[in-house]
C-alpha atoms as a PDB file:
ATOM      1  CA  MET A   1       1.231 -12.202   6.410  1.00  0.00           C
ATOM      2  CA  LYS A   2      -2.594 -13.027   6.896  1.00  0.00           C
ATOM      3  CA  LYS A   3      -4.943 -13.367   4.164  1.00  0.00           C
ATOM      4  CA  ASN A   4      -8.683 -12.836   4.561  1.00  0.00           C
ATOM      5  CA  ASN A   5     -11.641 -13.703   2.297  1.00  0.00           C
ATOM      6  CA  PHE A   6     -10.227 -11.370  -0.309  1.00  0.00           C
ATOM      7  CA  LYS A   7      -8.377 -13.337  -2.712  1.00  0.00           C
ATOM      8  CA  ASN A   8      -5.624 -10.722  -3.200  1.00  0.00           C
ATOM      9  CA  LEU A   9      -5.916  -8.429  -0.153  1.00  0.00           C
ATOM     10  CA  LEU A  10      -2.815  -8.896   2.118  1.00  0.00           C
ATOM     11  CA  TYR A  11      -2.372  -7.815   5.610  1.00  0.00           C
ATOM     12  CA  LEU A  12       0.933  -6.500   6.884  1.00  0.00           C
ATOM     13  CA  ASN A  13       2.555  -8.041   9.941  1.00  0.00           C
ATOM     14  CA  SER A  14       3.705  -4.619  11.287  1.00  0.00           C
ATOM     15  CA  SER A  15       2.049  -1.430  12.041  1.00  0.00           C
ATOM     16  CA  ASN A  16       5.344   0.307  12.262  1.00  0.00           C
ATOM     17  CA  PRO A  17       5.706   2.339   9.049  1.00  0.00           C
ATOM     18  CA  ASN A  18       9.377   1.504   8.456  1.00  0.00           C
ATOM     19  CA  LEU A  19       8.882  -2.194   8.866  1.00  0.00           C
ATOM     20  CA  ALA A  20       5.815  -2.211   6.879  1.00  0.00           C
ATOM     21  CA  VAL A  21       7.547  -0.394   3.868  1.00  0.00           C
ATOM     22  CA  LYS A  22      10.246  -3.352   4.090  1.00  0.00           C
ATOM     23  CA  GLU A  23       7.412  -5.815   3.950  1.00  0.00           C
ATOM     24  CA  VAL A  24       5.695  -4.280   1.085  1.00  0.00           C
ATOM     25  CA  ARG A  25       9.058  -4.055  -1.144  1.00  0.00           C
ATOM     26  CA  LYS A  26       9.457  -7.747  -0.436  1.00  0.00           C
ATOM     27  CA  ILE A  27       6.011  -8.376  -1.614  1.00  0.00           C
ATOM     28  CA  ILE A  28       6.486  -6.179  -4.679  1.00  0.00           C
ATOM     29  CA  ALA A  29       9.738  -7.997  -5.476  1.00  0.00           C
ATOM     30  CA  LYS A  30       7.947 -11.396  -5.489  1.00  0.00           C
ATOM     31  CA  SER A  31       4.562 -10.716  -6.881  1.00  0.00           C
ATOM     32  CA  GLU A  32       2.663  -9.271  -9.852  1.00  0.00           C
ATOM     33  CA  ILE A  33       1.704  -5.850  -8.852  1.00  0.00           C
ATOM     34  CA  SER A  34      -1.677  -6.278 -10.523  1.00  0.00           C
ATOM     35  CA  ASP A  35      -2.427  -9.224  -8.340  1.00  0.00           C
ATOM     36  CA  ILE A  36      -2.274  -7.797  -4.987  1.00  0.00           C
ATOM     37  CA  ALA A  37      -3.794  -5.332  -2.703  1.00  0.00           C
ATOM     38  CA  ILE A  38      -2.313  -4.187   0.679  1.00  0.00           C
ATOM     39  CA  ASP A  39      -4.436  -3.680   3.714  1.00  0.00           C
ATOM     40  CA  LEU A  40      -3.320  -0.507   5.836  1.00  0.00           C
ATOM     41  CA  SER A  41      -6.434  -0.401   7.916  1.00  0.00           C
ATOM     42  CA  ASP A  42      -4.609  -1.321  11.065  1.00  0.00           C
ATOM     43  CA  MET A  43      -2.465   1.961  10.925  1.00  0.00           C
ATOM     44  CA  ASN A  44      -3.223   5.454  11.736  1.00  0.00           C
ATOM     45  CA  VAL A  45      -3.640   7.791   8.932  1.00  0.00           C
ATOM     46  CA  ILE A  46      -0.114   9.350   9.216  1.00  0.00           C
ATOM     47  CA  ASP A  47       1.588   6.016   9.233  1.00  0.00           C
ATOM     48  CA  ALA A  48      -0.343   4.762   6.299  1.00  0.00           C
ATOM     49  CA  VAL A  49       0.367   7.834   4.306  1.00  0.00           C
ATOM     50  CA  LYS A  50       4.218   7.505   5.083  1.00  0.00           C
ATOM     51  CA  VAL A  51       3.961   3.795   3.785  1.00  0.00           C
ATOM     52  CA  LEU A  52       2.134   4.982   0.757  1.00  0.00           C
ATOM     53  CA  VAL A  53       4.687   7.624  -0.201  1.00  0.00           C
ATOM     54  CA  MET A  54       7.704   5.499   0.362  1.00  0.00           C
ATOM     55  CA  THR A  55       6.203   2.594  -1.481  1.00  0.00           C
ATOM     56  CA  SER A  56       5.096   4.731  -4.355  1.00  0.00           C
ATOM     57  CA  SER A  57       8.525   6.069  -4.967  1.00  0.00           C
ATOM     58  CA  TYR A  58       9.892   2.372  -4.659  1.00  0.00           C
ATOM     59  CA  LEU A  59       7.369   1.144  -7.194  1.00  0.00           C
ATOM     60  CA  TYR A  60       7.881   3.805  -9.590  1.00  0.00           C
ATOM     61  CA  LYS A  61      11.545   3.174  -9.762  1.00  0.00           C
ATOM     62  CA  LYS A  62      10.787  -0.650 -10.103  1.00  0.00           C
ATOM     63  CA  GLN A  63       7.826  -0.573 -12.449  1.00  0.00           C
ATOM     64  CA  PRO A  64       6.701   2.865 -13.400  1.00  0.00           C
ATOM     65  CA  ASP A  65       3.538   1.843 -15.214  1.00  0.00           C
ATOM     66  CA  GLU A  66       2.104  -0.385 -12.543  1.00  0.00           C
ATOM     67  CA  LYS A  67      -0.443   0.538  -9.859  1.00  0.00           C
ATOM     68  CA  LEU A  68      -0.511  -0.818  -6.232  1.00  0.00           C
ATOM     69  CA  LYS A  69      -3.845  -1.162  -4.732  1.00  0.00           C
ATOM     70  CA  PHE A  70      -4.395  -0.404  -1.140  1.00  0.00           C
ATOM     71  CA  ARG A  71      -7.114  -0.467   1.504  1.00  0.00           C
ATOM     72  CA  PHE A  72      -7.715   1.803   4.226  1.00  0.00           C
ATOM     73  CA  THR A  73     -11.089   2.172   6.224  1.00  0.00           C
ATOM     74  CA  SER A  74     -10.983   6.047   6.720  1.00  0.00           C
ATOM     75  CA  GLY A  75     -11.921   8.374   3.976  1.00  0.00           C
ATOM     76  CA  ASP A  76      -9.458  10.784   5.294  1.00  0.00           C
ATOM     77  CA  ILE A  77      -6.760   9.056   3.530  1.00  0.00           C
ATOM     78  CA  SER A  78      -8.348   9.974   0.117  1.00  0.00           C
ATOM     79  CA  ASN A  79      -8.263  13.667   0.904  1.00  0.00           C
ATOM     80  CA  ILE A  80      -4.654  13.399   1.936  1.00  0.00           C
ATOM     81  CA  THR A  81      -3.427  11.305  -0.985  1.00  0.00           C
ATOM     82  CA  SER A  82      -5.209  13.348  -3.550  1.00  0.00           C
ATOM     83  CA  MET A  83      -2.921  16.445  -2.538  1.00  0.00           C
ATOM     84  CA  LEU A  84       0.214  14.079  -3.073  1.00  0.00           C
ATOM     85  CA  ALA A  85       1.496  12.751  -6.440  1.00  0.00           C
ATOM     86  CA  LEU A  86       0.735   9.108  -5.756  1.00  0.00           C
ATOM     87  CA  LYS A  87      -0.517   8.309  -9.309  1.00  0.00           C
ATOM     88  CA  ASN A  88       0.542   4.627  -8.957  1.00  0.00           C
ATOM     89  CA  MET A  89      -1.523   3.983  -6.001  1.00  0.00           C
ATOM     90  CA  GLU A  90      -5.249   3.001  -5.945  1.00  0.00           C
ATOM     91  CA  ILE A  91      -7.801   2.685  -3.178  1.00  0.00           C
ATOM     92  CA  VAL A  92      -9.909  -0.352  -3.097  1.00  0.00           C
ATOM     93  CA  ALA A  93     -12.918  -1.115  -0.934  1.00  0.00           C
END
């Protein structure tokens, strides 16, 4: 997992949504949720939404009060996620 200048912004190794979800689950298991943000900018919007939906469900079962931050460069994802019940996901710049 690459890190950039952002202290807590993590880049996933895979753009495959299924592998990315597995990677995010490992991150969630090892880290404090409030300390991390996941960068999904390398994914297309459909795959990024798939990762968010699957991760949101997993996170809700594990820690229902936590929010996972994520980054995506397109504003389209805000429109899509606003229609879904992803209350534990937060977009960061």
